[in-house]
């Protein structure tokens, strides 16, 4: 809102003028008009002063005006002190010549449309007069400050044409505005306007109230109104600039509309963004198709020349293998040897260096493609044997060279092998068809007494001699041939510390020092006689 200011007496933000109120616009030294209590305006200036009724307060007021106009600070201070002691009632207004010649305008919110408002009085009173919005529902914001009625707009930085002020409207209910008060204030505003017009003819040099010319016709702003926040957006914008709400589907951009430079730049950026998005989508589609092709291949070949980290030979493109889980490259022969000599059912990646050991594993389809069918069969058999050894409550058929085995429960005492069809006794851990357990054990004791070879074997395996020990996990008898104090059970694969006769590691397996012999923890050996149990 804004327009050239008309010649009218300035008002404060709270509305109509009253006694004890001082309004200083552009704070320039010059002629003053002083109002004494109960008297009319008394213009004072360089040319002289109109006579006042006799009295000490009137004389002091004239002296104060003359001192301010002459720039005599000391005399003005003395007059002001004297008037304050008498508690004189004054109203001070600047003359017309002291107001800035520039127009003061402000911009109305887009929802109301653009209007040129003559800012010759309080903005809240002017809006009330022109648009009917009561001052109680108005909230003015200038320069990130919520305006109050006790200050002027110039104190908030409104000094020239183009300065911006924002007006926010509250609901009448929230502002506690009743219809009765609204009608009374509207009638009072009309009376004050009429009175101000009458006083303006006699006031000469004072600004006139309500000399507003009719505002120019409002031009229809091109654009679409946001259905959510009511912001007026430019016609070509697809979404609200404030709240990002989509443009109404039924809105059509006018044929005669011509975008400005800002809109043209935005449209160009949108088109470039759409093009980049389409290119990224195409690139993603190509990558996805490439991944599908690689997924269909059993082995992923190397695309560049590489050095095998096992044999340190140069491998031509396509001759090596890229492992899927860890992306390490090796030659085919080295990976085949790793699979054939692996003691674990899961073949670990052989990559090692001084600071890192890969923990990934080869996939089943990679293993099947790298070895021959016979090697793959032996690999599966090794895994099956190891699974049997590591499974609790497992029992292997006692028939010679039979591969059958089972996992039994406590309530089961017999196992018929599905391969050789032999009936195994789980209590005696033997095959004694035609005999019960008592008959078989008695017969076994008798044969052991007469069998010299059985006695020699029993004497050699006596744990008490220190030549053997029981595995702490599966309790079979294990022996140490020579070398360090680390041994591995051939049945359950438990790592054993020979000198402590217990497991090397804790329940978590290799590296778990919460149990086991705890050798080298805090730099201490597990036993004074330890000979390196790793």
Protein backbone atom coordinates (compact mmCIF):
# COMPACT_ATOMS: atom_id res chain seq x y z
CA UNK A 1 0.00 0.00 0.00
CA UNK A 2 1.35 3.42 -0.68
CA UNK A 3 0.78 6.80 -2.35
CA UNK A 4 1.90 10.39 -2.08
CA UNK A 5 1.14 11.68 1.39
CA UNK A 6 -1.52 14.39 1.52
CA UNK A 7 -1.39 17.48 3.66
CA UNK A 8 -3.02 16.36 6.88
CA UNK A 9 -2.11 16.49 10.52
CA UNK A 10 -0.13 13.33 11.43
CA UNK A 11 -1.72 10.87 13.82
CA UNK A 12 -0.13 8.34 16.09
CA UNK A 13 -0.59 4.61 15.53
CA UNK A 14 -3.36 4.46 18.10
CA UNK A 15 -5.79 6.59 16.06
CA UNK A 16 -7.15 10.09 16.76
CA UNK A 17 -4.91 12.79 18.30
CA UNK A 18 -5.16 13.50 22.01
CA UNK A 19 -3.49 15.65 24.64
CA UNK A 20 -0.07 14.66 26.06
CA UNK A 21 0.95 13.06 22.72
CA UNK A 22 4.04 14.03 20.76
CA UNK A 23 4.52 13.03 17.11
CA UNK A 24 7.96 13.61 15.55
CA UNK A 25 8.17 12.34 11.96
CA UNK A 26 11.51 12.98 10.30
CA UNK A 27 13.09 14.57 13.39
CA UNK A 28 14.23 17.81 11.76
CA UNK A 29 14.77 21.07 13.59
CA UNK A 30 12.26 23.73 12.56
CA UNK A 31 9.16 25.62 13.47
CA UNK A 32 6.79 24.05 16.00
CA UNK A 33 3.11 24.39 16.81
CA UNK A 34 2.38 24.03 20.54
CA UNK A 35 -0.99 23.42 22.13
CA UNK A 36 -1.52 24.56 25.67
CA UNK A 37 -4.12 22.93 27.85
CA UNK A 38 -7.52 24.31 26.87
CA UNK A 39 -6.23 26.53 24.04
CA UNK A 40 -5.98 26.25 20.27
CA UNK A 41 -2.90 25.93 18.15
CA UNK A 42 -0.24 28.59 18.51
CA UNK A 43 2.15 28.54 15.53
CA UNK A 44 5.62 29.76 16.36
CA UNK A 45 8.39 30.33 13.93
CA UNK A 46 11.06 32.64 12.79
CA UNK A 47 8.52 35.20 11.69
CA UNK A 48 6.98 35.62 15.13
CA UNK A 49 4.29 34.10 17.33
CA UNK A 50 0.57 34.65 17.68
CA UNK A 51 -0.33 36.17 21.04
CA UNK A 52 -1.41 33.82 23.83
CA UNK A 53 -3.60 34.58 26.76
CA UNK A 54 -1.42 35.95 29.54
CA UNK A 55 0.06 33.41 31.92
CA UNK A 56 3.46 31.96 32.90
CA UNK A 57 2.86 28.60 31.16
CA UNK A 58 2.05 30.26 27.85
CA UNK A 59 5.17 32.44 28.01
CA UNK A 60 7.33 29.43 28.78
CA UNK A 61 5.78 27.53 25.85
CA UNK A 62 6.57 30.39 23.47
CA UNK A 63 10.11 30.62 24.81
CA UNK A 64 10.54 26.84 24.42
CA UNK A 65 9.37 26.94 20.80
CA UNK A 66 11.67 29.86 19.98
CA UNK A 67 14.65 28.19 21.70
CA UNK A 68 14.13 24.93 19.78
CA UNK A 69 13.80 26.80 16.50
CA UNK A 70 16.99 28.78 17.23
CA UNK A 71 18.83 25.62 18.27
CA UNK A 72 19.52 26.94 21.78
CA UNK A 73 19.73 23.69 23.75
CA UNK A 74 20.39 25.30 27.13
CA UNK A 75 17.42 27.70 26.92
CA UNK A 76 15.15 24.92 25.65
CA UNK A 77 16.16 22.71 28.56
CA UNK A 78 15.44 25.46 31.09
CA UNK A 79 11.99 26.12 29.61
CA UNK A 80 11.18 22.40 29.55
CA UNK A 81 12.19 22.03 33.21
CA UNK A 82 10.04 25.00 34.19
CA UNK A 83 7.02 23.64 32.31
CA UNK A 84 7.51 20.23 33.89
CA UNK A 85 7.50 21.75 37.36
CA UNK A 86 4.18 23.45 36.59
CA UNK A 87 2.83 20.15 35.15
CA UNK A 88 1.63 22.04 32.10
CA UNK A 89 -0.39 20.15 29.49
CA UNK A 90 1.17 20.53 26.01
CA UNK A 91 0.81 19.00 22.55
CA UNK A 92 3.73 19.53 20.14
CA UNK A 93 3.40 19.18 16.35
CA UNK A 94 5.88 19.87 13.58
CA UNK A 95 5.00 22.35 10.88
CA UNK A 96 4.35 21.29 7.30
CA UNK A 97 7.79 22.43 6.15
CA UNK A 98 9.56 19.90 8.39
CA UNK A 99 8.03 16.74 6.88
CA UNK A 100 10.06 14.86 4.25
CA UNK A 101 9.05 15.67 0.69
CA UNK A 102 9.22 11.98 -0.43
CA UNK A 103 6.11 9.82 -0.55
CA UNK A 104 5.69 6.95 1.87
CA UNK A 105 4.02 3.84 0.57
CA UNK A 106 3.58 0.27 1.74
CA UNK A 107 2.67 -2.94 -0.07
CA UNK A 108 -0.63 -4.63 0.72
CA UNK A 109 -0.71 -8.47 0.89
CA UNK A 110 -1.39 -10.11 -2.50
CA UNK A 111 -4.67 -11.59 -1.31
CA UNK A 112 -6.23 -8.13 -1.03
CA UNK A 113 -4.87 -6.92 -4.36
CA UNK A 114 -2.74 -3.82 -4.84
CA UNK A 115 -3.97 -0.42 -3.63
CA UNK A 116 -2.29 2.94 -3.29
CA UNK A 117 -3.05 4.20 0.22
CA UNK A 118 -2.26 7.75 1.27
CA UNK A 119 -0.30 7.28 4.48
CA UNK A 120 -1.23 10.58 6.08
CA UNK A 121 -2.40 9.16 9.40
CA UNK A 122 -2.09 6.06 11.53
CA UNK A 123 -1.85 3.00 9.22
CA UNK A 124 -4.33 1.09 11.35
CA UNK A 125 -6.81 3.99 11.28
CA UNK A 126 -6.31 4.49 7.55
CA UNK A 127 -6.96 0.78 6.84
CA UNK A 128 -10.01 0.95 9.10
CA UNK A 129 -11.34 3.93 7.17
CA UNK A 130 -10.61 2.60 3.66
CA UNK A 131 -11.23 -1.14 4.05
CA UNK A 132 -13.25 -1.52 7.24
CA UNK A 133 -10.72 -3.62 9.19
CA UNK A 134 -10.86 -2.55 12.84
CA UNK A 135 -7.50 -1.67 14.48
CA UNK A 136 -8.01 -4.48 17.00
CA UNK A 137 -7.76 -7.13 14.28
CA UNK A 138 -4.72 -5.55 12.61
CA UNK A 139 -1.14 -6.65 13.30
CA UNK A 140 1.51 -4.62 11.50
CA UNK A 141 5.02 -6.04 11.02
CA UNK A 142 7.80 -3.76 9.82
CA UNK A 143 11.41 -4.83 9.71
CA UNK A 144 10.72 -8.09 11.64
CA UNK A 145 9.13 -6.08 14.45
CA UNK A 146 5.54 -6.26 15.67
CA UNK A 147 4.43 -2.62 15.66
CA UNK A 148 2.82 -0.97 18.67
CA UNK A 149 0.57 2.10 18.70
CA UNK A 150 2.95 4.17 20.83
CA UNK A 151 5.55 4.37 18.04
CA UNK A 152 5.44 5.95 14.60
CA UNK A 153 6.12 4.15 11.34
CA UNK A 154 9.25 6.26 10.83
CA UNK A 155 10.71 4.83 14.04
CA UNK A 156 10.49 1.38 12.42
CA UNK A 157 12.47 2.50 9.37
CA UNK A 158 9.67 3.58 6.98
CA UNK A 159 11.27 6.69 5.50
CA UNK A 160 10.94 6.56 1.71
CA UNK A 161 8.92 5.23 -1.15
CA UNK A 162 9.30 1.48 -1.61
CA UNK A 163 9.72 0.52 2.07
CA UNK A 164 7.69 -2.56 2.93
CA UNK A 165 5.21 -3.19 5.74
CA UNK A 166 3.17 -6.36 6.28
CA UNK A 167 -0.39 -6.41 7.60
CA UNK A 168 -1.81 -9.57 9.22
CA UNK A 169 -5.48 -9.81 10.17
CA UNK A 170 -6.93 -11.64 13.16
CA UNK A 171 -10.44 -12.93 13.49
CA UNK A 172 -12.89 -10.73 15.39
CA UNK A 173 -13.41 -13.51 17.92
CA UNK A 174 -9.72 -13.79 18.69
CA UNK A 175 -9.34 -10.01 18.90
CA UNK A 176 -12.42 -9.85 21.22
CA UNK A 177 -14.11 -7.36 18.91
CA UNK A 178 -17.88 -7.12 19.23
CA UNK A 179 -20.22 -5.83 16.55
CA UNK A 180 -21.43 -3.05 18.85
CA UNK A 181 -17.92 -1.72 19.38
CA UNK A 182 -17.15 -2.02 15.68
CA UNK A 183 -20.17 0.09 14.74
CA UNK A 184 -19.43 2.66 17.46
CA UNK A 185 -15.80 3.07 16.38
CA UNK A 186 -16.81 3.29 12.74
CA UNK A 187 -19.29 6.07 13.53
CA UNK A 188 -16.69 7.89 15.64
CA UNK A 189 -14.16 7.64 12.82
CA UNK A 190 -16.67 9.21 10.43
CA UNK A 191 -17.34 12.07 12.85
CA UNK A 192 -13.60 12.67 13.35
CA UNK A 193 -13.08 12.76 9.60
CA UNK A 194 -15.80 15.38 9.16
CA UNK A 195 -14.43 17.44 12.05
CA UNK A 196 -10.91 17.20 10.65
CA UNK A 197 -12.10 18.53 7.31
CA UNK A 198 -13.69 21.50 9.05
CA UNK A 199 -10.62 22.25 11.16
CA UNK A 200 -8.35 22.04 8.16
CA UNK A 201 -9.64 25.28 6.60
CA UNK A 202 -8.74 27.29 9.73
CA UNK A 203 -5.51 25.52 10.49
CA UNK A 204 -3.61 26.97 7.51
CA UNK A 205 -0.18 25.39 7.76
CA UNK A 206 -1.33 22.13 9.40
CA UNK A 207 -1.81 18.93 7.47
CA UNK A 208 -5.38 18.15 6.46
CA UNK A 209 -7.22 14.92 7.31
CA UNK A 210 -9.20 12.87 4.86
CA UNK A 211 -8.16 14.63 1.67
CA UNK A 212 -7.64 11.31 -0.03
CA UNK A 213 -8.22 11.02 -3.70
CA UNK A 214 -10.03 7.98 -4.94
CA UNK A 215 -7.61 5.04 -5.38
CA UNK A 216 -6.79 4.02 -8.94
CA UNK A 217 -8.64 1.00 -10.28
CA UNK A 218 -7.13 -2.33 -9.26
CA UNK A 219 -5.63 -4.36 -12.07
CA UNK A 220 -6.41 -8.07 -11.95
CA UNK A 221 -3.28 -9.93 -10.91
CA UNK A 222 -2.45 -12.77 -13.29
CA UNK A 223 -1.95 -16.13 -11.65
CA UNK A 224 -3.75 -18.83 -9.67
CA UNK A 225 -4.69 -18.72 -6.02
CA UNK A 226 -3.42 -21.55 -3.83
CA UNK A 227 -6.43 -23.43 -2.39
CA UNK A 228 -4.52 -24.01 0.84
CA UNK A 229 -2.72 -20.77 1.71
CA UNK A 230 -4.42 -18.39 -0.82
CA UNK A 231 -1.05 -17.17 -2.15
CA UNK A 232 -1.26 -15.82 -5.71
CA UNK A 233 1.21 -17.80 -7.82
CA UNK A 234 2.38 -17.05 -11.31
CA UNK A 235 0.36 -18.81 -14.03
CA UNK A 236 3.15 -21.14 -15.19
CA UNK A 237 4.14 -22.34 -11.72
CA UNK A 238 3.08 -26.00 -11.19
CA UNK A 239 2.98 -25.77 -7.39
CA UNK A 240 2.48 -23.13 -4.72
CA UNK A 241 5.62 -21.16 -3.98
CA UNK A 242 4.73 -20.97 -0.28
CA UNK A 243 3.28 -24.35 0.70
CA UNK A 244 4.06 -26.53 -2.39
CA UNK A 245 0.39 -27.37 -2.95
CA UNK A 246 -0.35 -28.56 -6.49
CA UNK A 247 -1.90 -26.15 -8.95
CA UNK A 248 -5.66 -26.71 -9.44
CA UNK A 249 -6.38 -29.12 -12.27
CA UNK A 250 -8.98 -26.84 -13.84
CA UNK A 251 -6.65 -23.82 -14.08
CA UNK A 252 -5.58 -22.89 -17.61
CA UNK A 253 -2.66 -20.54 -18.31
CA UNK A 254 -3.97 -17.51 -20.24
CA UNK A 255 -2.95 -17.48 -23.89
CA UNK A 256 -1.96 -13.82 -23.70
CA UNK A 257 0.32 -14.32 -20.71
CA UNK A 258 4.03 -13.69 -21.28
CA UNK A 259 6.44 -15.02 -18.62
CA UNK A 260 9.06 -12.66 -17.25
CA UNK A 261 12.80 -13.42 -17.04
CA UNK A 262 12.50 -15.08 -13.64
CA UNK A 263 9.80 -17.43 -14.86
CA UNK A 264 11.71 -18.22 -18.04
CA UNK A 265 14.77 -19.11 -15.97
CA UNK A 266 12.68 -21.30 -13.68
CA UNK A 267 11.03 -23.07 -16.61
CA UNK A 268 14.46 -23.70 -18.13
CA UNK A 269 15.72 -25.14 -14.85
CA UNK A 270 12.68 -27.41 -14.61
CA UNK A 271 13.21 -28.68 -18.13
CA UNK A 272 16.89 -29.37 -17.43
CA UNK A 273 15.95 -31.15 -14.21
CA UNK A 274 13.43 -33.34 -16.05
CA UNK A 275 16.05 -34.18 -18.68
CA UNK A 276 18.62 -35.09 -16.03
CA UNK A 277 16.05 -37.24 -14.24
CA UNK A 278 15.24 -39.10 -17.44
CA UNK A 279 18.94 -39.66 -18.11
CA UNK A 280 19.45 -41.02 -14.59
CA UNK A 281 16.47 -43.33 -15.03
CA UNK A 282 17.95 -44.67 -18.27
CA UNK A 283 21.33 -45.16 -16.58
CA UNK A 284 19.68 -47.01 -13.70
CA UNK A 285 17.82 -49.22 -16.17
CA UNK A 286 21.07 -50.13 -17.92
CA UNK A 287 22.74 -50.92 -14.61
CA UNK A 288 19.82 -53.11 -13.60
CA UNK A 289 19.95 -55.05 -16.86
CA UNK A 290 23.68 -55.54 -16.39
CA UNK A 291 23.12 -56.85 -12.88
CA UNK A 292 20.51 -59.29 -14.19
CA UNK A 293 22.97 -60.57 -16.77
CA UNK A 294 25.68 -61.04 -14.15
CA UNK A 295 23.21 -62.79 -11.87
CA UNK A 296 22.44 -65.31 -14.59
CA UNK A 297 26.16 -66.06 -15.00
CA UNK A 298 27.52 -68.69 -12.60
CA UNK A 299 30.96 -67.08 -12.35
CA UNK A 300 31.73 -63.38 -12.69
CA UNK A 301 34.91 -63.03 -14.79
CA UNK A 302 37.50 -60.34 -14.24
CA UNK A 303 37.36 -57.46 -16.74
CA UNK A 304 40.93 -56.23 -16.25
CA UNK A 305 44.37 -57.77 -15.93
CA UNK A 306 44.96 -58.76 -12.30
CA UNK A 307 47.56 -60.38 -10.09
CA UNK A 308 46.36 -63.44 -8.21
CA UNK A 309 47.02 -62.97 -4.47
CA UNK A 310 47.72 -66.71 -4.09
CA UNK A 311 50.10 -67.60 -6.94
CA UNK A 312 51.10 -63.99 -7.80
CA UNK A 313 50.68 -64.67 -11.51
CA UNK A 314 49.23 -62.23 -14.01
CA UNK A 315 45.69 -63.21 -14.98
CA UNK A 316 44.28 -62.06 -18.31
CA UNK A 317 40.76 -60.60 -18.52
CA UNK A 318 38.16 -63.35 -18.38
CA UNK A 319 40.59 -65.94 -16.95
CA UNK A 320 40.04 -65.01 -13.31
CA UNK A 321 37.02 -65.03 -11.05
CA UNK A 322 35.45 -62.14 -9.14
CA UNK A 323 33.89 -63.43 -5.91
CA UNK A 324 30.37 -62.11 -5.47
CA UNK A 325 30.39 -61.52 -1.72
CA UNK A 326 33.68 -59.67 -1.30
CA UNK A 327 34.67 -58.72 -4.90
CA UNK A 328 38.18 -60.20 -4.52
CA UNK A 329 39.82 -61.59 -7.67
CA UNK A 330 41.75 -64.87 -8.00
CA UNK A 331 42.70 -67.24 -10.78
CA UNK A 332 40.53 -70.30 -11.33
CA UNK A 333 43.20 -72.91 -10.51
CA UNK A 334 44.00 -71.37 -7.13
CA UNK A 335 40.35 -71.23 -6.14
CA UNK A 336 39.89 -74.85 -7.20
CA UNK A 337 42.77 -75.93 -4.97
CA UNK A 338 41.36 -73.92 -2.07
CA UNK A 339 38.05 -75.78 -2.43
CA UNK A 340 39.67 -79.23 -2.68
CA UNK A 341 41.80 -78.73 0.43
CA UNK A 342 39.21 -76.97 2.55
CA UNK A 343 38.29 -78.81 5.75
CA UNK A 344 35.23 -76.66 6.34
CA UNK A 345 31.87 -77.00 4.61
CA UNK A 346 31.94 -73.24 3.95
CA UNK A 347 34.97 -72.24 1.89
CA UNK A 348 36.35 -68.91 3.08
CA UNK A 349 37.80 -66.29 0.77
CA UNK A 350 41.59 -66.82 0.70
CA UNK A 351 42.43 -63.12 0.67
CA UNK A 352 44.96 -62.22 3.39
CA UNK A 353 47.40 -59.39 3.98
CA UNK A 354 49.28 -57.90 6.92
CA UNK A 355 46.27 -56.02 8.29
CA UNK A 356 43.16 -57.76 6.98
CA UNK A 357 41.72 -61.23 6.50
CA UNK A 358 38.55 -61.54 4.46
CA UNK A 359 35.66 -63.23 6.29
CA UNK A 360 33.43 -63.78 3.25
CA UNK A 361 32.69 -67.20 1.74
CA UNK A 362 32.37 -68.66 -1.73
CA UNK A 363 28.82 -69.27 -2.86
CA UNK A 364 27.59 -72.78 -3.61
CA UNK A 365 27.18 -72.12 -7.33
CA UNK A 366 30.72 -70.72 -7.53
CA UNK A 367 32.10 -73.87 -5.90
CA UNK A 368 30.12 -76.13 -8.26
CA UNK A 369 31.38 -74.23 -11.32
CA UNK A 370 35.06 -74.20 -10.27
CA UNK A 371 35.58 -77.92 -9.56
CA UNK A 372 34.83 -81.09 -11.48
CA UNK A 373 31.78 -83.24 -10.65
CA UNK A 374 33.94 -85.79 -8.80
CA UNK A 375 35.67 -83.07 -6.78
CA UNK A 376 32.33 -81.52 -5.97
CA UNK A 377 31.01 -84.91 -4.75
CA UNK A 378 34.00 -85.33 -2.43
CA UNK A 379 33.49 -81.79 -1.19
CA UNK A 380 29.89 -82.59 -0.27
CA UNK A 381 30.97 -85.80 1.47
CA UNK A 382 33.53 -83.92 3.55
CA UNK A 383 30.87 -81.48 4.57
CA UNK A 384 28.53 -84.30 5.52
CA UNK A 385 31.18 -86.03 7.63
CA UNK A 386 32.05 -82.80 9.38
CA UNK A 387 28.38 -82.09 10.06
CA UNK A 388 28.08 -85.55 11.64
CA UNK A 389 31.09 -84.95 13.86
CA UNK A 390 29.87 -81.57 15.05
CA UNK A 391 26.31 -82.68 15.72
CA UNK A 392 25.44 -83.80 19.22
CA UNK A 393 23.55 -87.09 19.63
CA UNK A 394 24.82 -88.35 16.27
CA UNK A 395 25.52 -92.03 15.67
CA UNK A 396 27.33 -93.64 12.73
CA UNK A 397 26.41 -97.06 11.50
CA UNK A 398 28.84 -99.70 12.78
CA UNK A 399 28.87 -101.60 9.50
CA UNK A 400 32.31 -101.39 7.91
CA UNK A 401 32.61 -98.63 5.25
CA UNK A 402 28.94 -97.70 5.61
CA UNK A 403 28.20 -93.98 5.26
CA UNK A 404 24.87 -94.08 7.11
CA UNK A 405 24.38 -92.10 10.31
CA UNK A 406 21.57 -90.56 12.31
CA UNK A 407 20.68 -88.02 14.99
CA UNK A 408 18.94 -89.82 17.84
CA UNK A 409 16.80 -88.76 20.78
CA UNK A 410 16.95 -89.99 24.36
CA UNK A 411 13.91 -92.23 23.96
CA UNK A 412 15.38 -94.09 20.96
CA UNK A 413 17.60 -97.13 21.60
CA UNK A 414 17.91 -98.64 18.11
CA UNK A 415 18.83 -97.31 14.69
CA UNK A 416 18.31 -99.20 11.42
CA UNK A 417 20.70 -97.89 8.81
CA UNK A 418 18.88 -96.79 5.64
CA UNK A 419 21.92 -97.77 3.52
CA UNK A 420 22.96 -101.23 4.78
CA UNK A 421 19.73 -102.02 6.68
CA UNK A 422 21.74 -103.16 9.74
CA UNK A 423 20.14 -102.74 13.18
CA UNK A 424 22.45 -100.73 15.47
CA UNK A 425 22.13 -100.70 19.26
CA UNK A 426 22.53 -97.13 20.51
CA UNK A 427 23.15 -98.27 24.09
CA UNK A 428 25.98 -100.64 23.23
CA UNK A 429 27.02 -98.66 20.15
CA UNK A 430 27.36 -101.89 18.23
CA UNK A 431 25.46 -104.33 16.03
CA UNK A 432 24.41 -107.43 17.98
CA UNK A 433 21.42 -108.83 16.17
CA UNK A 434 20.10 -111.97 17.88
CA UNK A 435 21.49 -110.92 21.29
CA UNK A 436 20.29 -108.54 23.92
CA UNK A 437 22.56 -105.93 25.46
CA UNK A 438 23.51 -108.06 28.52
CA UNK A 439 24.44 -111.05 26.39
CA UNK A 440 26.52 -108.88 24.07
CA UNK A 441 28.46 -107.15 26.90
CA UNK A 442 29.21 -110.46 28.66
CA UNK A 443 30.46 -111.95 25.43
CA UNK A 444 32.61 -108.85 24.81
CA UNK A 445 34.30 -109.13 28.21
CA UNK A 446 35.11 -112.79 27.65
CA UNK A 447 36.67 -112.11 24.26
CA UNK A 448 38.74 -109.22 25.65
CA UNK A 449 40.33 -111.51 28.26
CA UNK A 450 41.47 -113.98 25.62
CA UNK A 451 42.48 -111.40 22.96
CA UNK A 452 46.10 -110.25 23.39
CA UNK A 453 45.82 -107.54 20.76
CA UNK A 454 42.85 -106.03 22.55
CA UNK A 455 44.79 -105.94 25.82
CA UNK A 456 47.78 -104.20 24.20
CA UNK A 457 45.55 -101.59 22.65
CA UNK A 458 43.82 -100.99 25.96
CA UNK A 459 47.13 -100.59 27.79
CA UNK A 460 48.45 -98.07 25.21
CA UNK A 461 45.37 -95.94 25.46
CA UNK A 462 45.36 -95.70 29.21
CA UNK A 463 44.87 -92.04 30.07
CA UNK A 464 46.60 -92.46 33.37
CA UNK A 465 49.95 -93.02 31.66
CA UNK A 466 49.85 -89.48 30.24
CA UNK A 467 50.17 -90.68 26.66
CA UNK A 468 46.55 -89.83 25.83
CA UNK A 469 43.63 -87.76 27.05
CA UNK A 470 39.89 -87.50 26.69
CA UNK A 471 38.54 -84.80 24.36
CA UNK A 472 36.76 -82.24 26.58
CA UNK A 473 33.85 -82.11 24.09
CA UNK A 474 33.18 -85.60 22.69
CA UNK A 475 35.30 -87.55 25.26
CA UNK A 476 37.08 -89.77 22.74
CA UNK A 477 40.73 -90.59 23.42
CA UNK A 478 43.19 -88.35 21.56
CA UNK A 479 46.98 -88.58 21.45
CA UNK A 480 49.77 -86.11 20.88
CA UNK A 481 52.51 -87.27 18.59
CA UNK A 482 55.09 -84.45 18.70
CA UNK A 483 55.53 -80.70 18.39
CA UNK A 484 53.56 -77.93 20.10
CA UNK A 485 50.87 -78.29 22.71
CA UNK A 486 48.02 -77.53 20.28
CA UNK A 487 45.98 -80.45 18.96
CA UNK A 488 42.61 -80.79 17.23
CA UNK A 489 40.08 -83.52 17.91
CA UNK A 490 39.53 -85.56 14.76
CA UNK A 491 35.89 -86.16 15.64
CA UNK A 492 34.43 -82.85 16.84
CA UNK A 493 37.23 -80.56 15.58
CA UNK A 494 37.66 -79.02 19.04
CA UNK A 495 40.99 -77.20 19.52
CA UNK A 496 42.69 -78.58 22.65
CA UNK A 497 45.51 -77.30 24.87
CA UNK A 498 47.58 -80.40 25.68
CA UNK A 499 49.31 -79.05 28.78
CA UNK A 500 46.06 -77.95 30.49
CA UNK A 501 44.02 -80.90 29.14
CA UNK A 502 41.18 -78.50 28.28
CA UNK A 503 39.76 -76.54 25.34
CA UNK A 504 41.98 -73.88 23.79
CA UNK A 505 39.15 -71.30 23.31
CA UNK A 506 35.92 -70.34 25.00
CA UNK A 507 32.37 -71.17 23.86
CA UNK A 508 32.57 -68.60 21.05
CA UNK A 509 35.24 -70.57 19.18
CA UNK A 510 38.65 -69.36 17.95
CA UNK A 511 39.59 -66.01 19.47
CA UNK A 512 37.18 -66.26 22.45
CA UNK A 513 39.36 -65.75 25.55
CA UNK A 514 36.41 -65.77 27.96
CA UNK A 515 37.12 -69.47 28.46
CA UNK A 516 39.68 -72.08 27.51
CA UNK A 517 43.30 -71.98 28.60
CA UNK A 518 43.59 -68.17 28.08
CA UNK A 519 47.17 -68.48 26.86
CA UNK A 520 48.95 -65.19 26.06
CA UNK A 521 46.16 -63.14 27.73
CA UNK A 522 47.88 -60.13 29.34
CA UNK A 523 51.18 -61.58 28.10
CA UNK A 524 51.05 -64.67 30.34
CA UNK A 525 51.31 -68.33 29.38
CA UNK A 526 48.52 -70.72 30.30
CA UNK A 527 50.95 -73.09 32.09
CA UNK A 528 54.62 -72.99 33.07
CA UNK A 529 55.24 -76.02 30.83
CA UNK A 530 53.30 -74.63 27.85
CA UNK A 531 55.08 -75.22 24.54
CA UNK A 532 53.12 -72.86 22.33
CA UNK A 533 49.46 -73.80 22.16
CA UNK A 534 48.92 -71.02 19.58
